[in-house]
Amino acid sequence: MSTLLSARLQQGVVGTLSAVMPTYFGKIGARAFLCPRPNNSRRHWSTAFSGFECRHVEVQGHRVPVWTAGTGPLALLVHGWERDHFAMGGFVEPLLEAGYAVAALDLPAHGEAEGNKAPLPLLAQAIAETARLGGKPQVVIAHSVGGAMSVLAMEDHGLQPGSVALIASPRTAKDYALAQASQQGLSRRAQEVMVTRINASLGEPLDRYRVDKALASLMLPTLLVHAEDDAIVPVADARANQRASSAQAIWLDSGGHNRILGDSRMISQVIDWVKARTKPFAPSA
């Protein structure tokens, strides 16, 4: 309760100050969207990648680490904003046991990857380059912004998976940026400044990055997974993504935005969906 009260108090203070100084706080909001903070969250899957081979791909001068293991159809795991490959660790053992090879990366400026800025096109390119390292993925399983950027990698960078599972992924990058700003407590005027600065940094409008429109044109088997109580990306985003496509969906009553990745029942449902769309190799004894 005290933590919630403290967060609301902070949002109130930021809201008041950012209404008076929108340019200053808008700059801070833009930086938060482009420069991820270190991941200080608890690692629930700290041993999931033990025994994996760590390789690297280079993307625009940045070394991006990629962890690989197993044989069979490739499952590519993509984490979300301000997380790292460990966040997707709950999928590792079930995929390996089902006969899939697994690859997971730390996106640029995340985890062990180089850099301190993470513009959206760079993230998408890193995902595509990781896929080329291990061959065409049978499935991409991605969380949050990692899901949105996986879709962008399909649109712009030649990523061609057999299917994709998007967990807690936004409808548009702009939606996510504004949700992040609202969590920080930024006023509407500060949010407008923030979006303008992000657009300038990217060299194109945030509206350009739309998951719903991309899914409508990509025409590949898609699974959407979302919790009703997601406070970062509202479930309405996932429902809009589904309306724009022929995606199947798993709706959860609870799980939030990040806790959802620890839901073992959800993980099993996703794995079952993946298995129904390919015949994995039999794991070696």
C-alpha atoms as a PDB file:
ATOM      1  CA  MET A   1       0.000   0.000   0.000  1.00  0.00           C
ATOM      2  CA  SER A   2       2.808   2.430   0.913  1.00  0.00           C
ATOM      3  CA  THR A   3       4.558   1.699  -2.400  1.00  0.00           C
ATOM      4  CA  LEU A   4       1.345   2.399  -4.332  1.00  0.00           C
ATOM      5  CA  LEU A   5       0.765   5.605  -2.366  1.00  0.00           C
ATOM      6  CA  SER A   6       4.341   6.706  -3.019  1.00  0.00           C
ATOM      7  CA  ALA A   7       3.984   6.057  -6.753  1.00  0.00           C
ATOM      8  CA  ARG A   8       0.732   8.017  -6.935  1.00  0.00           C
ATOM      9  CA  LEU A   9       2.284  10.884  -4.982  1.00  0.00           C
ATOM     10  CA  GLN A  10       5.226  10.949  -7.372  1.00  0.00           C
ATOM     11  CA  GLN A  11       2.882  10.938 -10.380  1.00  0.00           C
ATOM     12  CA  GLY A  12       0.979  13.860  -8.868  1.00  0.00           C
ATOM     13  CA  VAL A  13       4.118  15.890  -8.288  1.00  0.00           C
ATOM     14  CA  VAL A  14       5.446  15.154 -11.782  1.00  0.00           C
ATOM     15  CA  GLY A  15       2.054  15.987 -13.280  1.00  0.00           C
ATOM     16  CA  THR A  16       1.986  19.380 -11.602  1.00  0.00           C
ATOM     17  CA  LEU A  17       5.561  20.285 -12.443  1.00  0.00           C
ATOM     18  CA  SER A  18       5.357  19.018 -16.026  1.00  0.00           C
ATOM     19  CA  ALA A  19       2.265  21.127 -16.642  1.00  0.00           C
ATOM     20  CA  VAL A  20       4.311  24.183 -15.650  1.00  0.00           C
ATOM     21  CA  MET A  21       7.530  23.059 -17.410  1.00  0.00           C
ATOM     22  CA  PRO A  22       6.357  20.856 -20.315  1.00  0.00           C
ATOM     23  CA  THR A  23       9.501  21.301 -22.432  1.00  0.00           C
ATOM     24  CA  TYR A  24      11.840  20.185 -19.670  1.00  0.00           C
ATOM     25  CA  PHE A  25       9.770  17.166 -18.673  1.00  0.00           C
ATOM     26  CA  GLY A  26       8.964  16.307 -22.278  1.00  0.00           C
ATOM     27  CA  LYS A  27      12.705  16.005 -22.915  1.00  0.00           C
ATOM     28  CA  ILE A  28      13.002  13.666 -19.931  1.00  0.00           C
ATOM     29  CA  GLY A  29      10.105  11.566 -21.236  1.00  0.00           C
ATOM     30  CA  ALA A  30      11.683  11.278 -24.686  1.00  0.00           C
ATOM     31  CA  ARG A  31      14.979  10.198 -23.191  1.00  0.00           C
ATOM     32  CA  ALA A  32      13.210   7.537 -21.118  1.00  0.00           C
ATOM     33  CA  PHE A  33      11.663   6.145 -24.301  1.00  0.00           C
ATOM     34  CA  LEU A  34      14.932   6.107 -26.239  1.00  0.00           C
ATOM     35  CA  CYS A  35      17.399   5.199 -23.465  1.00  0.00           C
ATOM     36  CA  PRO A  36      16.346   2.182 -21.376  1.00  0.00           C
ATOM     37  CA  ARG A  37      17.290   2.010 -17.719  1.00  0.00           C
ATOM     38  CA  PRO A  38      19.262  -0.982 -16.399  1.00  0.00           C
ATOM     39  CA  ASN A  39      17.063  -3.954 -15.570  1.00  0.00           C
ATOM     40  CA  ASN A  40      16.935  -4.204 -11.780  1.00  0.00           C
ATOM     41  CA  SER A  41      13.955  -6.552 -11.650  1.00  0.00           C
ATOM     42  CA  ARG A  42      14.225  -9.927  -9.971  1.00  0.00           C
ATOM     43  CA  ARG A  43      15.409 -12.737 -12.238  1.00  0.00           C
ATOM     44  CA  HIS A  44      12.938 -15.591 -11.937  1.00  0.00           C
ATOM     45  CA  TRP A  45      14.736 -17.735 -14.519  1.00  0.00           C
ATOM     46  CA  SER A  46      18.369 -17.123 -13.556  1.00  0.00           C
ATOM     47  CA  THR A  47      19.515 -20.617 -14.607  1.00  0.00           C
ATOM     48  CA  ALA A  48      17.299 -21.024 -17.672  1.00  0.00           C
ATOM     49  CA  PHE A  49      20.145 -20.374 -20.110  1.00  0.00           C
ATOM     50  CA  SER A  50      22.810 -22.424 -18.347  1.00  0.00           C
ATOM     51  CA  GLY A  51      24.732 -24.443 -20.933  1.00  0.00           C
ATOM     52  CA  PHE A  52      23.662 -22.224 -23.830  1.00  0.00           C
ATOM     53  CA  GLU A  53      26.264 -21.050 -26.321  1.00  0.00           C
ATOM     54  CA  CYS A  54      26.641 -17.263 -26.381  1.00  0.00           C
ATOM     55  CA  ARG A  55      27.354 -15.811 -29.806  1.00  0.00           C
ATOM     56  CA  HIS A  56      27.182 -12.265 -31.132  1.00  0.00           C
ATOM     57  CA  VAL A  57      25.789 -10.374 -34.079  1.00  0.00           C
ATOM     58  CA  GLU A  58      26.809  -6.833 -34.981  1.00  0.00           C
ATOM     59  CA  VAL A  59      24.096  -4.296 -35.690  1.00  0.00           C
ATOM     60  CA  GLN A  60      25.058  -0.743 -36.670  1.00  0.00           C
ATOM     61  CA  GLY A  61      28.321  -1.104 -34.772  1.00  0.00           C
ATOM     62  CA  HIS A  62      26.727  -2.618 -31.664  1.00  0.00           C
ATOM     63  CA  ARG A  63      27.551  -6.137 -30.479  1.00  0.00           C
ATOM     64  CA  VAL A  64      24.346  -7.976 -29.604  1.00  0.00           C
ATOM     65  CA  PRO A  65      24.650 -11.213 -27.596  1.00  0.00           C
ATOM     66  CA  VAL A  66      22.590 -14.219 -28.636  1.00  0.00           C
ATOM     67  CA  TRP A  67      22.172 -17.398 -26.589  1.00  0.00           C
ATOM     68  CA  THR A  68      21.430 -20.626 -28.477  1.00  0.00           C
ATOM     69  CA  ALA A  69      20.827 -24.275 -27.615  1.00  0.00           C
ATOM     70  CA  GLY A  70      19.007 -27.344 -28.887  1.00  0.00           C
ATOM     71  CA  THR A  71      18.228 -28.819 -32.278  1.00  0.00           C
ATOM     72  CA  GLY A  72      15.086 -28.752 -34.333  1.00  0.00           C
ATOM     73  CA  PRO A  73      12.813 -25.962 -35.535  1.00  0.00           C
ATOM     74  CA  LEU A  74      14.003 -22.631 -34.179  1.00  0.00           C
ATOM     75  CA  ALA A  75      12.042 -20.662 -31.572  1.00  0.00           C
ATOM     76  CA  LEU A  76      13.291 -17.085 -31.202  1.00  0.00           C
ATOM     77  CA  LEU A  77      12.590 -15.408 -27.836  1.00  0.00           C
ATOM     78  CA  VAL A  78      12.452 -11.606 -27.698  1.00  0.00           C
ATOM     79  CA  HIS A  79      12.194  -9.702 -24.417  1.00  0.00           C
ATOM     80  CA  GLY A  80      10.514  -6.360 -23.801  1.00  0.00           C
ATOM     81  CA  TRP A  81      11.567  -2.865 -22.811  1.00  0.00           C
ATOM     82  CA  GLU A  82      14.063  -2.579 -19.942  1.00  0.00           C
ATOM     83  CA  ARG A  83      14.244  -6.349 -19.561  1.00  0.00           C
ATOM     84  CA  ASP A  84      16.721  -8.925 -20.894  1.00  0.00           C
ATOM     85  CA  HIS A  85      16.772 -12.490 -22.237  1.00  0.00           C
ATOM     86  CA  PHE A  86      16.216 -13.926 -18.752  1.00  0.00           C
ATOM     87  CA  ALA A  87      12.686 -12.483 -18.797  1.00  0.00           C
ATOM     88  CA  MET A  88      11.769 -15.094 -21.426  1.00  0.00           C
ATOM     89  CA  GLY A  89      13.378 -17.932 -19.482  1.00  0.00           C
ATOM     90  CA  GLY A  90      10.093 -19.611 -18.635  1.00  0.00           C
ATOM     91  CA  PHE A  91       9.761 -20.750 -22.248  1.00  0.00           C
ATOM     92  CA  VAL A  92      13.217 -22.314 -22.499  1.00  0.00           C
ATOM     93  CA  GLU A  93      12.829 -25.719 -20.865  1.00  0.00           C
ATOM     94  CA  PRO A  94       9.369 -26.444 -22.335  1.00  0.00           C
ATOM     95  CA  LEU A  95      10.609 -25.588 -25.841  1.00  0.00           C
ATOM     96  CA  LEU A  96      13.762 -27.686 -25.543  1.00  0.00           C
ATOM     97  CA  GLU A  97      11.791 -30.627 -24.136  1.00  0.00           C
ATOM     98  CA  ALA A  98       9.347 -30.320 -27.032  1.00  0.00           C
ATOM     99  CA  GLY A  99      12.196 -30.639 -29.536  1.00  0.00           C
ATOM    100  CA  TYR A 100      12.831 -27.036 -30.525  1.00  0.00           C
ATOM    101  CA  ALA A 101      16.078 -25.147 -30.819  1.00  0.00           C
ATOM    102  CA  VAL A 102      15.986 -21.920 -28.808  1.00  0.00           C
ATOM    103  CA  ALA A 103      17.638 -18.574 -29.466  1.00  0.00           C
ATOM    104  CA  ALA A 104      17.309 -15.480 -27.291  1.00  0.00           C
ATOM    105  CA  LEU A 105      18.980 -12.095 -27.496  1.00  0.00           C
ATOM    106  CA  ASP A 106      19.541  -9.024 -25.405  1.00  0.00           C
ATOM    107  CA  LEU A 107      18.244  -6.130 -27.469  1.00  0.00           C
ATOM    108  CA  PRO A 108      20.616  -3.176 -28.032  1.00  0.00           C
ATOM    109  CA  ALA A 109      21.169  -1.137 -24.844  1.00  0.00           C
ATOM    110  CA  HIS A 110      19.584  -3.930 -22.790  1.00  0.00           C
ATOM    111  CA  GLY A 111      21.173  -6.598 -20.618  1.00  0.00           C
ATOM    112  CA  GLU A 112      24.654  -7.487 -21.874  1.00  0.00           C
ATOM    113  CA  ALA A 113      24.232  -5.776 -25.250  1.00  0.00           C
ATOM    114  CA  GLU A 114      26.279  -2.710 -26.100  1.00  0.00           C
ATOM    115  CA  GLY A 115      24.965   0.827 -26.286  1.00  0.00           C
ATOM    116  CA  ASN A 116      22.808   3.121 -24.183  1.00  0.00           C
ATOM    117  CA  LYS A 117      20.247   4.150 -26.808  1.00  0.00           C
ATOM    118  CA  ALA A 118      17.595   1.872 -28.237  1.00  0.00           C
ATOM    119  CA  PRO A 119      15.795   3.531 -31.161  1.00  0.00           C
ATOM    120  CA  LEU A 120      13.035   1.332 -32.491  1.00  0.00           C
ATOM    121  CA  PRO A 121      14.549   0.588 -35.939  1.00  0.00           C
ATOM    122  CA  LEU A 122      17.756  -0.613 -34.257  1.00  0.00           C
ATOM    123  CA  LEU A 123      15.788  -3.054 -32.114  1.00  0.00           C
ATOM    124  CA  ALA A 124      13.966  -4.410 -35.154  1.00  0.00           C
ATOM    125  CA  GLN A 125      17.195  -4.848 -37.085  1.00  0.00           C
ATOM    126  CA  ALA A 126      18.800  -6.684 -34.160  1.00  0.00           C
ATOM    127  CA  ILE A 127      15.895  -9.134 -34.069  1.00  0.00           C
ATOM    128  CA  ALA A 128      16.198  -9.799 -37.806  1.00  0.00           C
ATOM    129  CA  GLU A 129      19.968 -10.286 -37.606  1.00  0.00           C
ATOM    130  CA  THR A 130      19.568 -12.706 -34.705  1.00  0.00           C
ATOM    131  CA  ALA A 131      17.136 -14.768 -36.756  1.00  0.00           C
ATOM    132  CA  ARG A 132      19.636 -14.964 -39.632  1.00  0.00           C
ATOM    133  CA  LEU A 133      22.230 -16.344 -37.237  1.00  0.00           C
ATOM    134  CA  GLY A 134      20.170 -19.461 -36.610  1.00  0.00           C
ATOM    135  CA  GLY A 135      18.155 -19.747 -39.795  1.00  0.00           C
ATOM    136  CA  LYS A 136      14.478 -19.067 -40.350  1.00  0.00           C
ATOM    137  CA  PRO A 137      12.575 -19.231 -37.035  1.00  0.00           C
ATOM    138  CA  GLN A 138       9.597 -21.524 -36.899  1.00  0.00           C
ATOM    139  CA  VAL A 139       8.142 -19.164 -34.307  1.00  0.00           C
ATOM    140  CA  VAL A 140       8.955 -15.851 -32.663  1.00  0.00           C
ATOM    141  CA  ILE A 141       7.707 -15.513 -29.088  1.00  0.00           C
ATOM    142  CA  ALA A 142       8.005 -11.881 -28.046  1.00  0.00           C
ATOM    143  CA  HIS A 143       6.964  -9.645 -25.173  1.00  0.00           C
ATOM    144  CA  SER A 144       5.783  -6.035 -25.114  1.00  0.00           C
ATOM    145  CA  VAL A 145       7.891  -3.683 -27.261  1.00  0.00           C
ATOM    146  CA  GLY A 146       9.894  -6.747 -28.316  1.00  0.00           C
ATOM    147  CA  GLY A 147       6.718  -7.982 -29.972  1.00  0.00           C
ATOM    148  CA  ALA A 148       6.076  -4.696 -31.743  1.00  0.00           C
ATOM    149  CA  MET A 149       9.658  -4.588 -32.988  1.00  0.00           C
ATOM    150  CA  SER A 150       9.490  -8.215 -34.127  1.00  0.00           C
ATOM    151  CA  VAL A 151       6.575  -7.186 -36.320  1.00  0.00           C
ATOM    152  CA  LEU A 152       8.618  -4.236 -37.621  1.00  0.00           C
ATOM    153  CA  ALA A 153      11.475  -6.661 -38.360  1.00  0.00           C
ATOM    154  CA  MET A 154       9.045  -8.655 -40.499  1.00  0.00           C
ATOM    155  CA  GLU A 155       7.908  -5.523 -42.326  1.00  0.00           C
ATOM    156  CA  ASP A 156      11.258  -3.856 -42.945  1.00  0.00           C
ATOM    157  CA  HIS A 157      14.141  -6.270 -42.334  1.00  0.00           C
ATOM    158  CA  GLY A 158      13.216  -9.572 -43.908  1.00  0.00           C
ATOM    159  CA  LEU A 159      12.282 -11.560 -40.795  1.00  0.00           C
ATOM    160  CA  GLN A 160      10.049 -14.423 -41.990  1.00  0.00           C
ATOM    161  CA  PRO A 161       8.987 -16.697 -39.145  1.00  0.00           C
ATOM    162  CA  GLY A 162       6.482 -19.462 -39.571  1.00  0.00           C
ATOM    163  CA  SER A 163       4.334 -17.976 -36.804  1.00  0.00           C
ATOM    164  CA  VAL A 164       4.462 -15.363 -34.053  1.00  0.00           C
ATOM    165  CA  ALA A 165       3.181 -15.180 -30.475  1.00  0.00           C
ATOM    166  CA  LEU A 166       2.889 -11.635 -29.118  1.00  0.00           C
ATOM    167  CA  ILE A 167       2.584 -11.270 -25.348  1.00  0.00           C
ATOM    168  CA  ALA A 168       1.377  -7.939 -23.936  1.00  0.00           C
ATOM    169  CA  SER A 169       2.318  -6.151 -27.146  1.00  0.00           C
ATOM    170  CA  PRO A 170       0.993  -2.663 -27.919  1.00  0.00           C
ATOM    171  CA  ARG A 171      -1.126  -1.627 -30.878  1.00  0.00           C
ATOM    172  CA  THR A 172       1.277   1.161 -31.818  1.00  0.00           C
ATOM    173  CA  ALA A 173       4.619   2.466 -30.593  1.00  0.00           C
ATOM    174  CA  LYS A 174       2.969   5.807 -29.895  1.00  0.00           C
ATOM    175  CA  ASP A 175       0.435   4.099 -27.619  1.00  0.00           C
ATOM    176  CA  TYR A 176       3.296   2.555 -25.667  1.00  0.00           C
ATOM    177  CA  ALA A 177       5.203   5.835 -25.413  1.00  0.00           C
ATOM    178  CA  LEU A 178       2.117   7.643 -24.098  1.00  0.00           C
ATOM    179  CA  ALA A 179       1.379   4.833 -21.640  1.00  0.00           C
ATOM    180  CA  GLN A 180       4.946   5.064 -20.364  1.00  0.00           C
ATOM    181  CA  ALA A 181       4.562   8.834 -20.022  1.00  0.00           C
ATOM    182  CA  SER A 182       1.289   8.430 -18.132  1.00  0.00           C
ATOM    183  CA  GLN A 183       2.984   6.014 -15.727  1.00  0.00           C
ATOM    184  CA  GLN A 184       5.588   8.713 -15.085  1.00  0.00           C
ATOM    185  CA  GLY A 185       2.829  11.259 -14.476  1.00  0.00           C
ATOM    186  CA  LEU A 186       3.652  13.574 -17.387  1.00  0.00           C
ATOM    187  CA  SER A 187       1.058  16.206 -18.228  1.00  0.00           C
ATOM    188  CA  ARG A 188      -0.596  16.245 -21.643  1.00  0.00           C
ATOM    189  CA  ARG A 189       1.518  19.213 -22.759  1.00  0.00           C
ATOM    190  CA  ALA A 190       4.705  17.430 -21.689  1.00  0.00           C
ATOM    191  CA  GLN A 191       3.579  14.314 -23.554  1.00  0.00           C
ATOM    192  CA  GLU A 192       3.131  16.340 -26.728  1.00  0.00           C
ATOM    193  CA  VAL A 193       6.680  17.664 -26.380  1.00  0.00           C
ATOM    194  CA  MET A 194       7.913  14.135 -25.721  1.00  0.00           C
ATOM    195  CA  VAL A 195       6.308  12.714 -28.863  1.00  0.00           C
ATOM    196  CA  THR A 196       7.655  15.576 -30.984  1.00  0.00           C
ATOM    197  CA  ARG A 197      11.191  14.943 -29.732  1.00  0.00           C
ATOM    198  CA  ILE A 198      10.919  11.187 -30.256  1.00  0.00           C
ATOM    199  CA  ASN A 199       9.685  11.750 -33.810  1.00  0.00           C
ATOM    200  CA  ALA A 200      12.655  14.040 -34.473  1.00  0.00           C
ATOM    201  CA  SER A 201      15.102  11.499 -33.068  1.00  0.00           C
ATOM    202  CA  LEU A 202      13.668   8.656 -35.155  1.00  0.00           C
ATOM    203  CA  GLY A 203      13.384  10.778 -38.292  1.00  0.00           C
ATOM    204  CA  GLU A 204       9.779   9.669 -38.753  1.00  0.00           C
ATOM    205  CA  PRO A 205       6.561   9.769 -36.724  1.00  0.00           C
ATOM    206  CA  LEU A 206       5.853   7.196 -34.028  1.00  0.00           C
ATOM    207  CA  ASP A 207       2.548   6.592 -35.825  1.00  0.00           C
ATOM    208  CA  ARG A 208       4.618   4.787 -38.462  1.00  0.00           C
ATOM    209  CA  TYR A 209       5.078   1.807 -36.111  1.00  0.00           C
ATOM    210  CA  ARG A 210       1.700   0.075 -36.022  1.00  0.00           C
ATOM    211  CA  VAL A 211       1.292  -3.550 -35.045  1.00  0.00           C
ATOM    212  CA  ASP A 212      -2.374  -3.691 -36.021  1.00  0.00           C
ATOM    213  CA  LYS A 213      -1.787  -2.581 -39.615  1.00  0.00           C
ATOM    214  CA  ALA A 214       1.260  -4.812 -39.990  1.00  0.00           C
ATOM    215  CA  LEU A 215      -0.575  -7.906 -38.782  1.00  0.00           C
ATOM    216  CA  ALA A 216      -3.353  -7.186 -41.269  1.00  0.00           C
ATOM    217  CA  SER A 217      -0.870  -7.341 -44.136  1.00  0.00           C
ATOM    218  CA  LEU A 218       1.593 -10.002 -42.987  1.00  0.00           C
ATOM    219  CA  MET A 219      -0.930 -12.856 -42.998  1.00  0.00           C
ATOM    220  CA  LEU A 220       0.928 -15.364 -40.825  1.00  0.00           C
ATOM    221  CA  PRO A 221      -0.348 -17.498 -37.920  1.00  0.00           C
ATOM    222  CA  THR A 222      -0.464 -15.177 -34.929  1.00  0.00           C
ATOM    223  CA  LEU A 223      -1.272 -15.664 -31.260  1.00  0.00           C
ATOM    224  CA  LEU A 224      -2.001 -12.710 -28.978  1.00  0.00           C
ATOM    225  CA  VAL A 225      -1.656 -13.117 -25.219  1.00  0.00           C
ATOM    226  CA  HIS A 226      -2.785 -10.381 -22.866  1.00  0.00           C
ATOM    227  CA  ALA A 227      -3.895  -9.868 -19.269  1.00  0.00           C
ATOM    228  CA  GLU A 228      -6.985  -7.832 -18.484  1.00  0.00           C
ATOM    229  CA  ASP A 229      -5.126  -5.997 -15.707  1.00  0.00           C
ATOM    230  CA  ASP A 230      -2.143  -4.886 -17.795  1.00  0.00           C
ATOM    231  CA  ALA A 231      -1.539  -1.311 -16.632  1.00  0.00           C
ATOM    232  CA  ILE A 232       1.147  -0.537 -19.222  1.00  0.00           C
ATOM    233  CA  VAL A 233      -0.454  -1.828 -22.430  1.00  0.00           C
ATOM    234  CA  PRO A 234      -4.244  -1.971 -22.030  1.00  0.00           C
ATOM    235  CA  VAL A 235      -6.000  -5.090 -23.211  1.00  0.00           C
ATOM    236  CA  ALA A 236      -7.857  -2.867 -25.685  1.00  0.00           C
ATOM    237  CA  ASP A 237      -4.612  -2.719 -27.678  1.00  0.00           C
ATOM    238  CA  ALA A 238      -4.527  -6.493 -28.062  1.00  0.00           C
ATOM    239  CA  ARG A 239      -8.200  -6.606 -29.005  1.00  0.00           C
ATOM    240  CA  ALA A 240      -7.538  -3.979 -31.679  1.00  0.00           C
ATOM    241  CA  ASN A 241      -4.641  -6.073 -32.976  1.00  0.00           C
ATOM    242  CA  GLN A 242      -6.918  -9.079 -33.135  1.00  0.00           C
ATOM    243  CA  ARG A 243      -9.681  -7.195 -34.972  1.00  0.00           C
ATOM    244  CA  ALA A 244      -7.163  -6.090 -37.581  1.00  0.00           C
ATOM    245  CA  SER A 245      -5.955  -9.634 -38.232  1.00  0.00           C
ATOM    246  CA  SER A 246      -6.958 -13.277 -38.091  1.00  0.00           C
ATOM    247  CA  ALA A 247      -5.007 -13.790 -34.860  1.00  0.00           C
ATOM    248  CA  GLN A 248      -6.027 -16.217 -32.172  1.00  0.00           C
ATOM    249  CA  ALA A 249      -5.916 -14.986 -28.587  1.00  0.00           C
ATOM    250  CA  ILE A 250      -5.431 -16.036 -24.987  1.00  0.00           C
ATOM    251  CA  TRP A 251      -7.050 -13.599 -22.561  1.00  0.00           C
ATOM    252  CA  LEU A 252      -5.983 -13.782 -18.915  1.00  0.00           C
ATOM    253  CA  ASP A 253      -7.868 -12.266 -15.978  1.00  0.00           C
ATOM    254  CA  SER A 254      -4.630 -11.234 -14.293  1.00  0.00           C
ATOM    255  CA  GLY A 255      -0.897 -11.158 -14.905  1.00  0.00           C
ATOM    256  CA  GLY A 256      -0.163  -7.491 -15.439  1.00  0.00           C
ATOM    257  CA  HIS A 257       2.423  -6.485 -17.991  1.00  0.00           C
ATOM    258  CA  ASN A 258       5.532  -8.317 -16.791  1.00  0.00           C
ATOM    259  CA  ARG A 259       4.235 -10.856 -14.254  1.00  0.00           C
ATOM    260  CA  ILE A 260       2.442 -12.579 -17.107  1.00  0.00           C
ATOM    261  CA  LEU A 261       5.770 -14.075 -18.199  1.00  0.00           C
ATOM    262  CA  GLY A 262       5.831 -16.151 -15.006  1.00  0.00           C
ATOM    263  CA  ASP A 263       2.440 -17.750 -15.632  1.00  0.00           C
ATOM    264  CA  SER A 264       3.239 -21.449 -16.196  1.00  0.00           C
ATOM    265  CA  ARG A 265      -0.260 -22.180 -17.490  1.00  0.00           C
ATOM    266  CA  MET A 266       0.053 -19.417 -20.080  1.00  0.00           C
ATOM    267  CA  ILE A 267       3.463 -20.724 -21.117  1.00  0.00           C
ATOM    268  CA  SER A 268       2.010 -24.216 -21.621  1.00  0.00           C
ATOM    269  CA  GLN A 269      -0.827 -22.808 -23.726  1.00  0.00           C
ATOM    270  CA  VAL A 270       1.607 -20.913 -25.932  1.00  0.00           C
ATOM    271  CA  ILE A 271       3.816 -23.979 -26.365  1.00  0.00           C
ATOM    272  CA  ASP A 272       0.776 -26.074 -27.301  1.00  0.00           C
ATOM    273  CA  TRP A 273      -0.202 -23.460 -29.881  1.00  0.00           C
ATOM    274  CA  VAL A 274       3.316 -23.505 -31.329  1.00  0.00           C
ATOM    275  CA  LYS A 275       3.453 -27.303 -31.457  1.00  0.00           C
ATOM    276  CA  ALA A 276       0.148 -27.437 -33.305  1.00  0.00           C
ATOM    277  CA  ARG A 277       1.745 -25.465 -36.136  1.00  0.00           C
ATOM    278  CA  THR A 278       4.898 -27.484 -36.648  1.00  0.00           C
ATOM    279  CA  LYS A 279       6.325 -30.911 -36.031  1.00  0.00           C
ATOM    280  CA  PRO A 280       9.307 -30.497 -33.717  1.00  0.00           C
ATOM    281  CA  PHE A 281      12.252 -32.846 -33.682  1.00  0.00           C
ATOM    282  CA  ALA A 282      12.170 -35.600 -31.091  1.00  0.00           C
ATOM    283  CA  PRO A 283      14.532 -34.606 -28.249  1.00  0.00           C
ATOM    284  CA  SER A 284      17.568 -36.835 -27.948  1.00  0.00           C
ATOM    285  CA  ALA A 285      17.579 -39.275 -25.040  1.00  0.00           C
END
